[in-house]
Amino acid sequence: MRSGFGNGQVGIALAAVILLGAGEASATPLTPFRYEAQAQRHCPHDRVVWLDFRKGVYYSKAQKRYGQGFDGSFVCLNEARDSLYRRSLLGLR
Protein backbone atom coordinates (compact mmCIF):
# COMPACT_ATOMS: atom_id res chain seq x y z
CA MET A 1 0.00 0.00 0.00
CA ARG A 2 1.21 3.45 -0.77
CA SER A 3 0.63 6.39 1.56
CA GLY A 4 -0.51 9.79 0.35
CA PHE A 5 2.77 11.47 1.31
CA GLY A 6 6.02 11.40 -0.61
CA ASN A 7 9.38 11.62 1.16
CA GLY A 8 9.61 15.38 0.57
CA GLN A 9 6.09 15.96 1.86
CA VAL A 10 6.79 14.01 5.05
CA GLY A 11 9.88 16.13 5.71
CA ILE A 12 7.96 19.35 5.14
CA ALA A 13 5.11 18.21 7.40
CA LEU A 14 7.59 17.22 10.12
CA ALA A 15 9.37 20.58 9.90
CA ALA A 16 6.04 22.41 10.15
CA VAL A 17 5.10 20.45 13.28
CA ILE A 18 8.45 21.22 14.89
CA LEU A 19 8.26 24.91 14.04
CA LEU A 20 4.66 25.26 15.20
CA GLY A 21 5.46 23.43 18.43
CA ALA A 22 8.38 25.77 19.15
CA GLY A 23 6.05 28.63 20.08
CA GLU A 24 5.73 30.12 23.53
CA ALA A 25 4.94 27.14 25.72
CA SER A 26 5.89 28.52 29.13
CA ALA A 27 3.67 26.60 31.53
CA THR A 28 4.61 26.61 35.19
CA PRO A 29 5.85 23.15 36.16
CA LEU A 30 3.75 21.37 38.75
CA THR A 31 5.65 20.86 42.03
CA PRO A 32 3.76 18.53 44.39
CA PHE A 33 4.47 18.51 48.14
CA ARG A 34 3.58 16.08 50.89
CA TYR A 35 2.96 18.78 53.49
CA GLU A 36 1.03 22.02 53.26
CA ALA A 37 3.82 24.08 54.87
CA GLN A 38 6.29 22.92 52.21
CA ALA A 39 3.97 24.08 49.44
CA GLN A 40 3.40 27.42 51.15
CA ARG A 41 7.16 28.01 51.40
CA HIS A 42 7.47 27.18 47.68
CA CYS A 43 4.84 29.77 46.71
CA PRO A 44 4.57 32.38 49.49
CA HIS A 45 2.41 34.77 47.42
CA ASP A 46 -0.07 32.12 46.24
CA ARG A 47 -2.73 29.93 47.86
CA VAL A 48 -2.07 26.25 48.50
CA VAL A 49 -4.61 23.70 47.26
CA TRP A 50 -4.98 19.93 47.51
CA LEU A 51 -4.63 18.33 44.09
CA ASP A 52 -6.36 15.00 43.44
CA PHE A 53 -4.33 13.47 40.61
CA ARG A 54 -6.81 10.66 39.92
CA LYS A 55 -9.83 12.95 39.53
CA GLY A 56 -7.97 15.87 37.95
CA VAL A 57 -9.38 18.44 40.37
CA TYR A 58 -8.12 20.57 43.23
CA TYR A 59 -9.74 21.49 46.55
CA SER A 60 -9.35 24.73 48.51
CA LYS A 61 -8.73 24.80 52.24
CA ALA A 62 -12.43 25.44 52.99
CA GLN A 63 -13.52 22.18 51.33
CA LYS A 64 -13.98 18.90 53.18
CA ARG A 65 -11.72 16.87 50.89
CA TYR A 66 -8.76 19.24 51.32
CA GLY A 67 -5.74 17.13 52.30
CA GLN A 68 -7.70 13.86 52.00
CA GLY A 69 -6.85 10.78 49.98
CA PHE A 70 -3.83 8.87 48.79
CA ASP A 71 -3.82 10.09 45.18
CA GLY A 72 -3.10 13.74 45.91
CA SER A 73 -0.62 16.33 46.97
CA PHE A 74 -0.36 19.96 48.07
CA VAL A 75 0.46 22.37 45.24
CA CYS A 76 0.30 26.08 44.47
CA LEU A 77 -2.99 27.26 42.98
CA ASN A 78 -1.41 28.90 39.94
CA GLU A 79 0.61 25.78 39.14
CA ALA A 80 -2.55 23.64 39.35
CA ARG A 81 -4.40 26.00 37.01
CA ASP A 82 -1.48 26.21 34.57
CA SER A 83 -1.39 22.40 34.47
CA LEU A 84 -5.07 22.43 33.46
CA TYR A 85 -6.49 20.98 36.66
CA ARG A 86 -9.97 22.30 37.47
CA ARG A 87 -11.42 23.29 40.82
CA SER A 88 -13.85 20.97 42.51
CA LEU A 89 -17.28 22.33 43.31
CA LEU A 90 -17.90 19.74 46.05
CA GLY A 91 -18.29 21.30 49.45
CA LEU A 92 -18.54 24.91 48.24
CA ARG A 93 -21.33 27.04 49.66
PDB file of N, CA and C in Angstrom:
ATOM      1  N   MET A   1       0.827  -1.173   0.000  1.00  0.00           N
ATOM      2  CA  MET A   1       0.000   0.000   0.000  1.00  0.00           C
ATOM      3  C   MET A   1       0.874   1.241   0.000  1.00  0.00           C
ATOM      4  N   ARG A   2       0.439   2.228  -0.684  1.00  0.00           N
ATOM      5  CA  ARG A   2       1.206   3.448  -0.774  1.00  0.00           C
ATOM      6  C   ARG A   2       0.480   4.554  -0.012  1.00  0.00           C
ATOM      7  N   SER A   3       1.252   5.301   0.810  1.00  0.00           N
ATOM      8  CA  SER A   3       0.629   6.387   1.562  1.00  0.00           C
ATOM      9  C   SER A   3       0.488   7.605   0.669  1.00  0.00           C
ATOM     10  N   GLY A   4      -0.255   8.591   1.128  1.00  0.00           N
ATOM     11  CA  GLY A   4      -0.512   9.790   0.355  1.00  0.00           C
ATOM     12  C   GLY A   4       0.619  10.797   0.412  1.00  0.00           C
ATOM     13  N   PHE A   5       1.656  10.528   1.194  1.00  0.00           N
ATOM     14  CA  PHE A   5       2.766  11.466   1.312  1.00  0.00           C
ATOM     15  C   PHE A   5       4.010  10.911   0.653  1.00  0.00           C
ATOM     16  N   GLY A   6       4.712  11.764  -0.087  1.00  0.00           N
ATOM     17  CA  GLY A   6       6.020  11.400  -0.607  1.00  0.00           C
ATOM     18  C   GLY A   6       7.068  11.749   0.423  1.00  0.00           C
ATOM     19  N   ASN A   7       8.319  11.351   0.192  1.00  0.00           N
ATOM     20  CA  ASN A   7       9.383  11.621   1.161  1.00  0.00           C
ATOM     21  C   ASN A   7       9.555  13.111   1.418  1.00  0.00           C
ATOM     22  N   GLY A   8       9.467  13.934   0.402  1.00  0.00           N
ATOM     23  CA  GLY A   8       9.607  15.376   0.572  1.00  0.00           C
ATOM     24  C   GLY A   8       8.459  15.964   1.368  1.00  0.00           C
ATOM     25  N   GLN A   9       7.258  15.449   1.139  1.00  0.00           N
ATOM     26  CA  GLN A   9       6.089  15.958   1.862  1.00  0.00           C
ATOM     27  C   GLN A   9       6.147  15.596   3.345  1.00  0.00           C
ATOM     28  N   VAL A  10       6.661  14.424   3.648  1.00  0.00           N
ATOM     29  CA  VAL A  10       6.792  14.010   5.045  1.00  0.00           C
ATOM     30  C   VAL A  10       7.782  14.926   5.758  1.00  0.00           C
ATOM     31  N   GLY A  11       8.880  15.241   5.119  1.00  0.00           N
ATOM     32  CA  GLY A  11       9.877  16.128   5.711  1.00  0.00           C
ATOM     33  C   GLY A  11       9.324  17.521   5.951  1.00  0.00           C
ATOM     34  N   ILE A  12       8.565  18.026   4.991  1.00  0.00           N
ATOM     35  CA  ILE A  12       7.962  19.350   5.143  1.00  0.00           C
ATOM     36  C   ILE A  12       6.934  19.345   6.270  1.00  0.00           C
ATOM     37  N   ALA A  13       6.123  18.303   6.341  1.00  0.00           N
ATOM     38  CA  ALA A  13       5.115  18.207   7.395  1.00  0.00           C
ATOM     39  C   ALA A  13       5.785  18.114   8.769  1.00  0.00           C
ATOM     40  N   LEU A  14       6.868  17.355   8.866  1.00  0.00           N
ATOM     41  CA  LEU A  14       7.593  17.219  10.123  1.00  0.00           C
ATOM     42  C   LEU A  14       8.210  18.554  10.541  1.00  0.00           C
ATOM     43  N   ALA A  15       8.783  19.271   9.591  1.00  0.00           N
ATOM     44  CA  ALA A  15       9.372  20.578   9.897  1.00  0.00           C
ATOM     45  C   ALA A  15       8.299  21.559  10.359  1.00  0.00           C
ATOM     46  N   ALA A  16       7.128  21.512   9.758  1.00  0.00           N
ATOM     47  CA  ALA A  16       6.038  22.408  10.154  1.00  0.00           C
ATOM     48  C   ALA A  16       5.583  22.107  11.581  1.00  0.00           C
ATOM     49  N   VAL A  17       5.496  20.836  11.932  1.00  0.00           N
ATOM     50  CA  VAL A  17       5.096  20.450  13.283  1.00  0.00           C
ATOM     51  C   VAL A  17       6.126  20.933  14.299  1.00  0.00           C
ATOM     52  N   ILE A  18       7.393  20.784  13.971  1.00  0.00           N
ATOM     53  CA  ILE A  18       8.451  21.216  14.886  1.00  0.00           C
ATOM     54  C   ILE A  18       8.420  22.725  15.054  1.00  0.00           C
ATOM     55  N   LEU A  19       8.276  23.455  13.959  1.00  0.00           N
ATOM     56  CA  LEU A  19       8.258  24.912  14.042  1.00  0.00           C
ATOM     57  C   LEU A  19       7.025  25.425  14.774  1.00  0.00           C
ATOM     58  N   LEU A  20       5.880  24.829  14.530  1.00  0.00           N
ATOM     59  CA  LEU A  20       4.662  25.257  15.199  1.00  0.00           C
ATOM     60  C   LEU A  20       4.704  24.919  16.684  1.00  0.00           C
ATOM     61  N   GLY A  21       5.348  23.835  17.029  1.00  0.00           N
ATOM     62  CA  GLY A  21       5.458  23.435  18.426  1.00  0.00           C
ATOM     63  C   GLY A  21       6.494  24.233  19.182  1.00  0.00           C
ATOM     64  N   ALA A  22       7.316  25.015  18.497  1.00  0.00           N
ATOM     65  CA  ALA A  22       8.378  25.775  19.152  1.00  0.00           C
ATOM     66  C   ALA A  22       7.898  27.141  19.616  1.00  0.00           C
ATOM     67  N   GLY A  23       6.602  27.351  19.640  1.00  0.00           N
ATOM     68  CA  GLY A  23       6.047  28.628  20.085  1.00  0.00           C
ATOM     69  C   GLY A  23       6.247  28.824  21.569  1.00  0.00           C
ATOM     70  N   GLU A  24       5.585  29.802  22.123  1.00  0.00           N
ATOM     71  CA  GLU A  24       5.733  30.124  23.534  1.00  0.00           C
ATOM     72  C   GLU A  24       4.922  29.155  24.386  1.00  0.00           C
ATOM     73  N   ALA A  25       5.568  28.115  24.843  1.00  0.00           N
ATOM     74  CA  ALA A  25       4.938  27.144  25.725  1.00  0.00           C
ATOM     75  C   ALA A  25       5.611  27.256  27.083  1.00  0.00           C
ATOM     76  N   SER A  26       5.233  28.260  27.850  1.00  0.00           N
ATOM     77  CA  SER A  26       5.888  28.517  29.128  1.00  0.00           C
ATOM     78  C   SER A  26       4.938  28.229  30.283  1.00  0.00           C
ATOM     79  N   ALA A  27       4.545  26.982  30.424  1.00  0.00           N
ATOM     80  CA  ALA A  27       3.674  26.601  31.528  1.00  0.00           C
ATOM     81  C   ALA A  27       4.512  26.436  32.790  1.00  0.00           C
ATOM     82  N   THR A  28       3.934  26.774  33.917  1.00  0.00           N
ATOM     83  CA  THR A  28       4.607  26.609  35.189  1.00  0.00           C
ATOM     84  C   THR A  28       4.632  25.122  35.524  1.00  0.00           C
ATOM     85  N   PRO A  29       5.808  24.577  35.829  1.00  0.00           N
ATOM     86  CA  PRO A  29       5.847  23.147  36.164  1.00  0.00           C
ATOM     87  C   PRO A  29       5.136  22.876  37.481  1.00  0.00           C
ATOM     88  N   LEU A  30       4.493  21.748  37.560  1.00  0.00           N
ATOM     89  CA  LEU A  30       3.747  21.365  38.748  1.00  0.00           C
ATOM     90  C   LEU A  30       4.721  20.772  39.771  1.00  0.00           C
ATOM     91  N   THR A  31       4.758  21.337  40.968  1.00  0.00           N
ATOM     92  CA  THR A  31       5.652  20.862  42.029  1.00  0.00           C
ATOM     93  C   THR A  31       4.804  20.370  43.198  1.00  0.00           C
ATOM     94  N   PRO A  32       4.589  19.060  43.303  1.00  0.00           N
ATOM     95  CA  PRO A  32       3.763  18.532  44.394  1.00  0.00           C
ATOM     96  C   PRO A  32       4.550  18.408  45.707  1.00  0.00           C
ATOM     97  N   PHE A  33       3.859  18.616  46.820  1.00  0.00           N
ATOM     98  CA  PHE A  33       4.471  18.510  48.143  1.00  0.00           C
ATOM     99  C   PHE A  33       3.619  17.629  49.038  1.00  0.00           C
ATOM    100  N   ARG A  34       4.284  16.952  49.967  1.00  0.00           N
ATOM    101  CA  ARG A  34       3.579  16.079  50.891  1.00  0.00           C
ATOM    102  C   ARG A  34       2.883  16.866  51.998  1.00  0.00           C
ATOM    103  N   TYR A  35       3.502  17.980  52.389  1.00  0.00           N
ATOM    104  CA  TYR A  35       2.965  18.779  53.487  1.00  0.00           C
ATOM    105  C   TYR A  35       2.584  20.180  53.008  1.00  0.00           C
ATOM    106  N   GLU A  36       1.538  20.706  53.627  1.00  0.00           N
ATOM    107  CA  GLU A  36       1.025  22.023  53.264  1.00  0.00           C
ATOM    108  C   GLU A  36       2.075  23.123  53.473  1.00  0.00           C
ATOM    109  N   ALA A  37       2.811  23.052  54.570  1.00  0.00           N
ATOM    110  CA  ALA A  37       3.818  24.076  54.872  1.00  0.00           C
ATOM    111  C   ALA A  37       4.915  24.116  53.807  1.00  0.00           C
ATOM    112  N   GLN A  38       5.280  22.957  53.276  1.00  0.00           N
ATOM    113  CA  GLN A  38       6.289  22.917  52.209  1.00  0.00           C
ATOM    114  C   GLN A  38       5.790  23.650  50.974  1.00  0.00           C
ATOM    115  N   ALA A  39       4.549  23.415  50.616  1.00  0.00           N
ATOM    116  CA  ALA A  39       3.974  24.077  49.439  1.00  0.00           C
ATOM    117  C   ALA A  39       3.878  25.577  49.663  1.00  0.00           C
ATOM    118  N   GLN A  40       3.518  25.992  50.874  1.00  0.00           N
ATOM    119  CA  GLN A  40       3.400  27.419  51.149  1.00  0.00           C
ATOM    120  C   GLN A  40       4.757  28.116  51.096  1.00  0.00           C
ATOM    121  N   ARG A  41       5.818  27.440  51.520  1.00  0.00           N
ATOM    122  CA  ARG A  41       7.163  28.014  51.400  1.00  0.00           C
ATOM    123  C   ARG A  41       7.587  28.123  49.941  1.00  0.00           C
ATOM    124  N   HIS A  42       7.127  27.175  49.115  1.00  0.00           N
ATOM    125  CA  HIS A  42       7.465  27.179  47.684  1.00  0.00           C
ATOM    126  C   HIS A  42       6.791  28.340  46.960  1.00  0.00           C
ATOM    127  N   CYS A  43       5.579  28.681  47.360  1.00  0.00           N
ATOM    128  CA  CYS A  43       4.837  29.770  46.712  1.00  0.00           C
ATOM    129  C   CYS A  43       4.237  30.682  47.782  1.00  0.00           C
ATOM    130  N   PRO A  44       5.049  31.553  48.371  1.00  0.00           N
ATOM    131  CA  PRO A  44       4.572  32.377  49.490  1.00  0.00           C
ATOM    132  C   PRO A  44       3.498  33.395  49.114  1.00  0.00           C
ATOM    133  N   HIS A  45       3.399  33.760  47.850  1.00  0.00           N
ATOM    134  CA  HIS A  45       2.411  34.766  47.422  1.00  0.00           C
ATOM    135  C   HIS A  45       1.218  34.137  46.708  1.00  0.00           C
ATOM    136  N   ASP A  46       1.018  32.846  46.900  1.00  0.00           N
ATOM    137  CA  ASP A  46      -0.068  32.121  46.236  1.00  0.00           C
ATOM    138  C   ASP A  46      -0.775  31.266  47.280  1.00  0.00           C
ATOM    139  N   ARG A  47      -1.998  30.837  46.979  1.00  0.00           N
ATOM    140  CA  ARG A  47      -2.734  29.929  47.864  1.00  0.00           C
ATOM    141  C   ARG A  47      -2.296  28.501  47.599  1.00  0.00           C
ATOM    142  N   VAL A  48      -2.372  27.674  48.624  1.00  0.00           N
ATOM    143  CA  VAL A  48      -2.071  26.251  48.504  1.00  0.00           C
ATOM    144  C   VAL A  48      -3.384  25.505  48.372  1.00  0.00           C
ATOM    145  N   VAL A  49      -3.427  24.537  47.464  1.00  0.00           N
ATOM    146  CA  VAL A  49      -4.614  23.701  47.263  1.00  0.00           C
ATOM    147  C   VAL A  49      -4.207  22.243  47.323  1.00  0.00           C
ATOM    148  N   TRP A  50      -5.196  21.375  47.523  1.00  0.00           N
ATOM    149  CA  TRP A  50      -4.976  19.927  47.507  1.00  0.00           C
ATOM    150  C   TRP A  50      -5.341  19.426  46.122  1.00  0.00           C
ATOM    151  N   LEU A  51      -4.414  18.805  45.454  1.00  0.00           N
ATOM    152  CA  LEU A  51      -4.626  18.329  44.095  1.00  0.00           C
ATOM    153  C   LEU A  51      -4.880  16.833  44.109  1.00  0.00           C
ATOM    154  N   ASP A  52      -6.015  16.423  43.573  1.00  0.00           N
ATOM    155  CA  ASP A  52      -6.359  15.003  43.442  1.00  0.00           C
ATOM    156  C   ASP A  52      -5.973  14.583  42.029  1.00  0.00           C
ATOM    157  N   PHE A  53      -4.859  13.861  41.919  1.00  0.00           N
ATOM    158  CA  PHE A  53      -4.335  13.472  40.606  1.00  0.00           C
ATOM    159  C   PHE A  53      -5.291  12.561  39.851  1.00  0.00           C
ATOM    160  N   ARG A  54      -5.933  11.646  40.574  1.00  0.00           N
ATOM    161  CA  ARG A  54      -6.811  10.663  39.922  1.00  0.00           C
ATOM    162  C   ARG A  54      -8.040  11.326  39.305  1.00  0.00           C
ATOM    163  N   LYS A  55      -8.623  12.293  40.014  1.00  0.00           N
ATOM    164  CA  LYS A  55      -9.833  12.952  39.527  1.00  0.00           C
ATOM    165  C   LYS A  55      -9.532  14.171  38.656  1.00  0.00           C
ATOM    166  N   GLY A  56      -8.319  14.703  38.750  1.00  0.00           N
ATOM    167  CA  GLY A  56      -7.967  15.869  37.947  1.00  0.00           C
ATOM    168  C   GLY A  56      -8.561  17.162  38.460  1.00  0.00           C
ATOM    169  N   VAL A  57      -8.795  17.246  39.769  1.00  0.00           N
ATOM    170  CA  VAL A  57      -9.381  18.444  40.371  1.00  0.00           C
ATOM    171  C   VAL A  57      -8.551  18.866  41.578  1.00  0.00           C
ATOM    172  N   TYR A  58      -8.761  20.115  42.005  1.00  0.00           N
ATOM    173  CA  TYR A  58      -8.119  20.573  43.233  1.00  0.00           C
ATOM    174  C   TYR A  58      -9.170  21.117  44.192  1.00  0.00           C
ATOM    175  N   TYR A  59      -8.840  21.050  45.485  1.00  0.00           N
ATOM    176  CA  TYR A  59      -9.740  21.485  46.550  1.00  0.00           C
ATOM    177  C   TYR A  59      -9.081  22.624  47.325  1.00  0.00           C
ATOM    178  N   SER A  60      -9.857  23.631  47.681  1.00  0.00           N
ATOM    179  CA  SER A  60      -9.347  24.725  48.507  1.00  0.00           C
ATOM    180  C   SER A  60      -9.426  24.325  49.975  1.00  0.00           C
ATOM    181  N   LYS A  61      -8.805  25.119  50.824  1.00  0.00           N
ATOM    182  CA  LYS A  61      -8.728  24.800  52.242  1.00  0.00           C
ATOM    183  C   LYS A  61     -10.101  24.716  52.913  1.00  0.00           C
ATOM    184  N   ALA A  62     -11.090  25.431  52.392  1.00  0.00           N
ATOM    185  CA  ALA A  62     -12.427  25.438  52.988  1.00  0.00           C
ATOM    186  C   ALA A  62     -13.241  24.184  52.643  1.00  0.00           C
ATOM    187  N   GLN A  63     -12.759  23.365  51.746  1.00  0.00           N
ATOM    188  CA  GLN A  63     -13.516  22.183  51.326  1.00  0.00           C
ATOM    189  C   GLN A  63     -13.162  20.960  52.173  1.00  0.00           C
ATOM    190  N   LYS A  64     -14.127  20.071  52.327  1.00  0.00           N
ATOM    191  CA  LYS A  64     -13.981  18.900  53.183  1.00  0.00           C
ATOM    192  C   LYS A  64     -12.869  17.953  52.703  1.00  0.00           C
ATOM    193  N   ARG A  65     -12.692  17.823  51.424  1.00  0.00           N
ATOM    194  CA  ARG A  65     -11.717  16.869  50.889  1.00  0.00           C
ATOM    195  C   ARG A  65     -10.294  17.433  50.783  1.00  0.00           C
ATOM    196  N   TYR A  66     -10.087  18.622  51.313  1.00  0.00           N
ATOM    197  CA  TYR A  66      -8.757  19.242  51.322  1.00  0.00           C
ATOM    198  C   TYR A  66      -7.817  18.389  52.172  1.00  0.00           C
ATOM    199  N   GLY A  67      -6.723  17.945  51.581  1.00  0.00           N
ATOM    200  CA  GLY A  67      -5.739  17.133  52.296  1.00  0.00           C
ATOM    201  C   GLY A  67      -6.135  15.685  52.485  1.00  0.00           C
ATOM    202  N   GLN A  68      -7.197  15.229  51.836  1.00  0.00           N
ATOM    203  CA  GLN A  68      -7.697  13.862  51.997  1.00  0.00           C
ATOM    204  C   GLN A  68      -7.332  12.994  50.803  1.00  0.00           C
ATOM    205  N   GLY A  69      -7.073  11.741  51.048  1.00  0.00           N
ATOM    206  CA  GLY A  69      -6.854  10.777  49.977  1.00  0.00           C
ATOM    207  C   GLY A  69      -5.392  10.446  49.762  1.00  0.00           C
ATOM    208  N   PHE A  70      -5.187   9.357  49.055  1.00  0.00           N
ATOM    209  CA  PHE A  70      -3.831   8.873  48.793  1.00  0.00           C
ATOM    210  C   PHE A  70      -3.319   9.284  47.416  1.00  0.00           C
ATOM    211  N   ASP A  71      -4.194   9.740  46.549  1.00  0.00           N
ATOM    212  CA  ASP A  71      -3.818  10.090  45.178  1.00  0.00           C
ATOM    213  C   ASP A  71      -3.693  11.595  44.996  1.00  0.00           C
ATOM    214  N   GLY A  72      -3.175  12.294  46.013  1.00  0.00           N
ATOM    215  CA  GLY A  72      -3.104  13.737  45.914  1.00  0.00           C
ATOM    216  C   GLY A  72      -1.857  14.306  46.533  1.00  0.00           C
ATOM    217  N   SER A  73      -1.773  15.630  46.454  1.00  0.00           N
ATOM    218  CA  SER A  73      -0.619  16.332  46.974  1.00  0.00           C
ATOM    219  C   SER A  73      -0.956  17.813  47.114  1.00  0.00           C
ATOM    220  N   PHE A  74      -0.193  18.516  47.938  1.00  0.00           N
ATOM    221  CA  PHE A  74      -0.357  19.963  48.068  1.00  0.00           C
ATOM    222  C   PHE A  74       0.435  20.648  46.967  1.00  0.00           C
ATOM    223  N   VAL A  75      -0.186  21.619  46.309  1.00  0.00           N
ATOM    224  CA  VAL A  75       0.464  22.373  45.236  1.00  0.00           C
ATOM    225  C   VAL A  75       0.015  23.835  45.317  1.00  0.00           C
ATOM    226  N   CYS A  76       0.689  24.676  44.571  1.00  0.00           N
ATOM    227  CA  CYS A  76       0.302  26.084  44.467  1.00  0.00           C
ATOM    228  C   CYS A  76      -0.870  26.202  43.500  1.00  0.00           C
ATOM    229  N   LEU A  77      -1.785  27.093  43.801  1.00  0.00           N
ATOM    230  CA  LEU A  77      -2.993  27.260  42.985  1.00  0.00           C
ATOM    231  C   LEU A  77      -2.651  27.595  41.536  1.00  0.00           C
ATOM    232  N   ASN A  78      -1.749  28.527  41.316  1.00  0.00           N
ATOM    233  CA  ASN A  78      -1.412  28.904  39.936  1.00  0.00           C
ATOM    234  C   ASN A  78      -0.787  27.761  39.159  1.00  0.00           C
ATOM    235  N   GLU A  79       0.021  26.939  39.816  1.00  0.00           N
ATOM    236  CA  GLU A  79       0.607  25.782  39.143  1.00  0.00           C
ATOM    237  C   GLU A  79      -0.475  24.777  38.764  1.00  0.00           C
ATOM    238  N   ALA A  80      -1.446  24.568  39.649  1.00  0.00           N
ATOM    239  CA  ALA A  80      -2.549  23.642  39.350  1.00  0.00           C
ATOM    240  C   ALA A  80      -3.349  24.140  38.155  1.00  0.00           C
ATOM    241  N   ARG A  81      -3.644  25.441  38.133  1.00  0.00           N
ATOM    242  CA  ARG A  81      -4.405  26.004  37.012  1.00  0.00           C
ATOM    243  C   ARG A  81      -3.614  25.941  35.709  1.00  0.00           C
ATOM    244  N   ASP A  82      -2.311  26.260  35.772  1.00  0.00           N
ATOM    245  CA  ASP A  82      -1.476  26.210  34.574  1.00  0.00           C
ATOM    246  C   ASP A  82      -1.352  24.795  34.022  1.00  0.00           C
ATOM    247  N   SER A  83      -1.464  23.798  34.899  1.00  0.00           N
ATOM    248  CA  SER A  83      -1.387  22.401  34.472  1.00  0.00           C
ATOM    249  C   SER A  83      -2.748  21.850  34.074  1.00  0.00           C
ATOM    250  N   LEU A  84      -3.727  22.730  33.946  1.00  0.00           N
ATOM    251  CA  LEU A  84      -5.074  22.426  33.458  1.00  0.00           C
ATOM    252  C   LEU A  84      -5.907  21.558  34.399  1.00  0.00           C
ATOM    253  N   TYR A  85      -5.596  21.611  35.692  1.00  0.00           N
ATOM    254  CA  TYR A  85      -6.490  20.982  36.662  1.00  0.00           C
ATOM    255  C   TYR A  85      -7.630  21.956  36.930  1.00  0.00           C
ATOM    256  N   ARG A  86      -8.803  21.433  37.236  1.00  0.00           N
ATOM    257  CA  ARG A  86      -9.967  22.297  37.467  1.00  0.00           C
ATOM    258  C   ARG A  86     -10.349  22.235  38.938  1.00  0.00           C
ATOM    259  N   ARG A  87     -11.024  23.266  39.405  1.00  0.00           N
ATOM    260  CA  ARG A  87     -11.416  23.286  40.823  1.00  0.00           C
ATOM    261  C   ARG A  87     -12.656  22.424  41.016  1.00  0.00           C
ATOM    262  N   SER A  88     -12.700  21.787  42.164  1.00  0.00           N
ATOM    263  CA  SER A  88     -13.847  20.968  42.510  1.00  0.00           C
ATOM    264  C   SER A  88     -14.924  21.849  43.115  1.00  0.00           C
ATOM    265  N   LEU A  89     -16.156  21.582  42.758  1.00  0.00           N
ATOM    266  CA  LEU A  89     -17.278  22.325  43.314  1.00  0.00           C
ATOM    267  C   LEU A  89     -17.892  21.640  44.520  1.00  0.00           C
ATOM    268  N   LEU A  90     -17.371  20.464  44.888  1.00  0.00           N
ATOM    269  CA  LEU A  90     -17.896  19.736  46.046  1.00  0.00           C
ATOM    270  C   LEU A  90     -17.545  20.479  47.327  1.00  0.00           C
ATOM    271  N   GLY A  91     -18.510  20.688  48.165  1.00  0.00           N
ATOM    272  CA  GLY A  91     -18.291  21.303  49.453  1.00  0.00           C
ATOM    273  C   GLY A  91     -18.252  22.814  49.436  1.00  0.00           C
ATOM    274  N   LEU A  92     -18.506  23.442  48.299  1.00  0.00           N
ATOM    275  CA  LEU A  92     -18.542  24.909  48.243  1.00  0.00           C
ATOM    276  C   LEU A  92     -19.937  25.381  48.600  1.00  0.00           C
ATOM    277  N   ARG A  93     -20.034  26.484  49.285  1.00  0.00           N
ATOM    278  CA  ARG A  93     -21.333  27.039  49.657  1.00  0.00           C
ATOM    279  C   ARG A  93     -21.625  28.264  48.860  1.00  0.00           C
TER     280      ARG A  93
END
